[in-house]
Amino acid sequence: MGKTIECLIAEVPGGVCVYLNGYRIAGSKPWGGGRVIHRFGIDVDDVRAALPKPRKPRPKKPKVLGEAQEWRLLHEYIRRYWRLPEAQRRRECRKWGITPTPRTKK
């Protein structure tokens, strides 16, 4: 047997609640106190066996876009880019490693 956890079952004005090592894990909050109905010890290994095993996150697949979606995204980015103030356009260009070109007046 390994380490033991203290488990308390308490009756409180709102109902019944369960504590493990002094932490309330289930039941209503003890507003105005209450009394301990039952007190016992639980083996840590038994608690671990009852809890679900953590799952490894699945790796995300890279999103593959169709040609029409790529063009739509590129068009949207260009449209938003030219609506930016000139100083912000320069910052965007520096971020992407592109030489900014001035906008020509129509």
C-alpha atoms as a PDB file:
ATOM      1  CA  MET A   1       0.000   0.000   0.000  1.00  0.00           C
ATOM      2  CA  GLY A   2       1.217   3.472  -0.834  1.00  0.00           C
ATOM      3  CA  LYS A   3       0.310   6.898   0.399  1.00  0.00           C
ATOM      4  CA  THR A   4      -3.176   7.475   1.842  1.00  0.00           C
ATOM      5  CA  ILE A   5      -5.542  10.362   1.097  1.00  0.00           C
ATOM      6  CA  GLU A   6      -8.025  11.515   3.746  1.00  0.00           C
ATOM      7  CA  CYS A   7     -11.590  11.554   2.451  1.00  0.00           C
ATOM      8  CA  LEU A   8     -14.395  13.362   4.312  1.00  0.00           C
ATOM      9  CA  ILE A   9     -18.104  13.283   3.590  1.00  0.00           C
ATOM     10  CA  ALA A  10     -19.766  16.300   5.176  1.00  0.00           C
ATOM     11  CA  GLU A  11     -23.384  17.322   5.607  1.00  0.00           C
ATOM     12  CA  VAL A  12     -23.801  21.064   4.993  1.00  0.00           C
ATOM     13  CA  PRO A  13     -26.893  23.309   4.841  1.00  0.00           C
ATOM     14  CA  GLY A  14     -27.037  22.943   1.018  1.00  0.00           C
ATOM     15  CA  GLY A  15     -26.707  19.142   0.978  1.00  0.00           C
ATOM     16  CA  VAL A  16     -23.709  16.791   1.100  1.00  0.00           C
ATOM     17  CA  CYS A  17     -20.143  17.390  -0.082  1.00  0.00           C
ATOM     18  CA  VAL A  18     -16.949  15.349  -0.461  1.00  0.00           C
ATOM     19  CA  TYR A  19     -13.440  16.481   0.501  1.00  0.00           C
ATOM     20  CA  LEU A  20     -10.079  14.936  -0.441  1.00  0.00           C
ATOM     21  CA  ASN A  21      -7.180  16.137   1.759  1.00  0.00           C
ATOM     22  CA  GLY A  22      -9.139  19.250   2.707  1.00  0.00           C
ATOM     23  CA  TYR A  23     -10.188  20.189  -0.881  1.00  0.00           C
ATOM     24  CA  ARG A  24     -13.877  20.070  -1.755  1.00  0.00           C
ATOM     25  CA  ILE A  25     -14.185  18.015  -4.940  1.00  0.00           C
ATOM     26  CA  ALA A  26     -17.945  17.407  -5.100  1.00  0.00           C
ATOM     27  CA  GLY A  27     -21.181  18.678  -3.659  1.00  0.00           C
ATOM     28  CA  SER A  28     -22.497  22.048  -2.585  1.00  0.00           C
ATOM     29  CA  LYS A  29     -20.451  24.760  -0.878  1.00  0.00           C
ATOM     30  CA  PRO A  30     -20.549  24.622   2.902  1.00  0.00           C
ATOM     31  CA  TRP A  31     -22.241  27.973   3.579  1.00  0.00           C
ATOM     32  CA  GLY A  32     -22.347  28.409   7.334  1.00  0.00           C
ATOM     33  CA  GLY A  33     -20.417  25.250   8.222  1.00  0.00           C
ATOM     34  CA  GLY A  34     -21.633  21.699   8.573  1.00  0.00           C
ATOM     35  CA  ARG A  35     -20.660  18.414  10.193  1.00  0.00           C
ATOM     36  CA  VAL A  36     -18.558  15.443   9.112  1.00  0.00           C
ATOM     37  CA  ILE A  37     -20.715  12.364   8.502  1.00  0.00           C
ATOM     38  CA  HIS A  38     -17.948   9.938   7.556  1.00  0.00           C
ATOM     39  CA  ARG A  39     -14.134  10.026   7.502  1.00  0.00           C
ATOM     40  CA  PHE A  40     -11.875   7.389   5.886  1.00  0.00           C
ATOM     41  CA  GLY A  41      -8.599   6.925   4.008  1.00  0.00           C
ATOM     42  CA  ILE A  42      -8.152   6.058   0.320  1.00  0.00           C
ATOM     43  CA  ASP A  43      -5.012   4.629  -1.290  1.00  0.00           C
ATOM     44  CA  VAL A  44      -3.459   7.033  -3.836  1.00  0.00           C
ATOM     45  CA  ASP A  45      -2.999   4.213  -6.373  1.00  0.00           C
ATOM     46  CA  ASP A  46      -6.743   3.471  -6.221  1.00  0.00           C
ATOM     47  CA  VAL A  47      -7.560   7.122  -6.946  1.00  0.00           C
ATOM     48  CA  ARG A  48      -5.111   7.197  -9.871  1.00  0.00           C
ATOM     49  CA  ALA A  49      -6.609   3.996 -11.282  1.00  0.00           C
ATOM     50  CA  ALA A  50     -10.110   5.554 -11.158  1.00  0.00           C
ATOM     51  CA  LEU A  51      -9.081   8.717 -13.039  1.00  0.00           C
ATOM     52  CA  PRO A  52      -8.939   8.632 -16.864  1.00  0.00           C
ATOM     53  CA  LYS A  53      -5.508   8.482 -18.468  1.00  0.00           C
ATOM     54  CA  PRO A  54      -4.416  11.726 -20.176  1.00  0.00           C
ATOM     55  CA  ARG A  55      -4.514  11.443 -23.951  1.00  0.00           C
ATOM     56  CA  LYS A  56      -1.745  12.624 -26.220  1.00  0.00           C
ATOM     57  CA  PRO A  57      -2.900  15.457 -28.474  1.00  0.00           C
ATOM     58  CA  ARG A  58      -3.194  14.423 -32.100  1.00  0.00           C
ATOM     59  CA  PRO A  59      -0.880  16.293 -34.467  1.00  0.00           C
ATOM     60  CA  LYS A  60      -2.774  18.752 -36.636  1.00  0.00           C
ATOM     61  CA  LYS A  61      -2.799  18.047 -40.333  1.00  0.00           C
ATOM     62  CA  PRO A  62      -1.629  20.953 -42.489  1.00  0.00           C
ATOM     63  CA  LYS A  63      -4.594  22.623 -44.158  1.00  0.00           C
ATOM     64  CA  VAL A  64      -4.545  22.164 -47.917  1.00  0.00           C
ATOM     65  CA  LEU A  65      -6.278  24.892 -49.879  1.00  0.00           C
ATOM     66  CA  GLY A  66      -7.619  24.657 -53.368  1.00  0.00           C
ATOM     67  CA  GLU A  67      -6.343  27.020 -56.055  1.00  0.00           C
ATOM     68  CA  ALA A  68      -9.502  29.157 -55.933  1.00  0.00           C
ATOM     69  CA  GLN A  69      -9.178  29.522 -52.143  1.00  0.00           C
ATOM     70  CA  GLU A  70      -5.520  30.510 -52.462  1.00  0.00           C
ATOM     71  CA  TRP A  71      -6.381  33.245 -54.967  1.00  0.00           C
ATOM     72  CA  ARG A  72      -9.265  34.467 -52.815  1.00  0.00           C
ATOM     73  CA  LEU A  73      -6.993  34.701 -49.740  1.00  0.00           C
ATOM     74  CA  LEU A  74      -4.261  36.447 -51.713  1.00  0.00           C
ATOM     75  CA  HIS A  75      -6.764  38.932 -53.159  1.00  0.00           C
ATOM     76  CA  GLU A  76      -8.179  39.641 -49.676  1.00  0.00           C
ATOM     77  CA  TYR A  77      -4.689  40.174 -48.236  1.00  0.00           C
ATOM     78  CA  ILE A  78      -3.748  42.588 -51.047  1.00  0.00           C
ATOM     79  CA  ARG A  79      -7.033  44.499 -50.628  1.00  0.00           C
ATOM     80  CA  ARG A  80      -6.465  44.842 -46.867  1.00  0.00           C
ATOM     81  CA  TYR A  81      -2.802  45.738 -47.399  1.00  0.00           C
ATOM     82  CA  TRP A  82      -3.577  48.750 -49.598  1.00  0.00           C
ATOM     83  CA  ARG A  83      -6.129  50.047 -47.097  1.00  0.00           C
ATOM     84  CA  LEU A  84      -3.418  50.280 -44.400  1.00  0.00           C
ATOM     85  CA  PRO A  85      -1.637  53.570 -43.706  1.00  0.00           C
ATOM     86  CA  GLU A  86       1.751  53.821 -45.437  1.00  0.00           C
ATOM     87  CA  ALA A  87       3.810  53.399 -42.245  1.00  0.00           C
ATOM     88  CA  GLN A  88       1.940  50.225 -41.369  1.00  0.00           C
ATOM     89  CA  ARG A  89       2.375  48.889 -44.932  1.00  0.00           C
ATOM     90  CA  ARG A  90       6.142  49.366 -44.562  1.00  0.00           C
ATOM     91  CA  ARG A  91       6.117  47.430 -41.277  1.00  0.00           C
ATOM     92  CA  GLU A  92       4.150  44.603 -42.914  1.00  0.00           C
ATOM     93  CA  CYS A  93       6.637  44.475 -45.775  1.00  0.00           C
ATOM     94  CA  ARG A  94       9.605  44.384 -43.405  1.00  0.00           C
ATOM     95  CA  LYS A  95       7.932  41.575 -41.486  1.00  0.00           C
ATOM     96  CA  TRP A  96       7.640  39.494 -44.684  1.00  0.00           C
ATOM     97  CA  GLY A  97      11.005  40.557 -46.110  1.00  0.00           C
ATOM     98  CA  ILE A  98       9.504  42.422 -49.074  1.00  0.00           C
ATOM     99  CA  THR A  99      10.600  45.793 -50.447  1.00  0.00           C
ATOM    100  CA  PRO A 100       7.602  48.142 -50.159  1.00  0.00           C
ATOM    101  CA  THR A 101       6.435  49.817 -53.357  1.00  0.00           C
ATOM    102  CA  PRO A 102       4.620  53.144 -53.269  1.00  0.00           C
ATOM    103  CA  ARG A 103       1.012  53.157 -54.371  1.00  0.00           C
ATOM    104  CA  THR A 104       0.446  54.947 -57.650  1.00  0.00           C
ATOM    105  CA  LYS A 105      -2.409  57.425 -57.873  1.00  0.00           C
ATOM    106  CA  LYS A 106      -5.056  56.696 -60.477  1.00  0.00           C
END
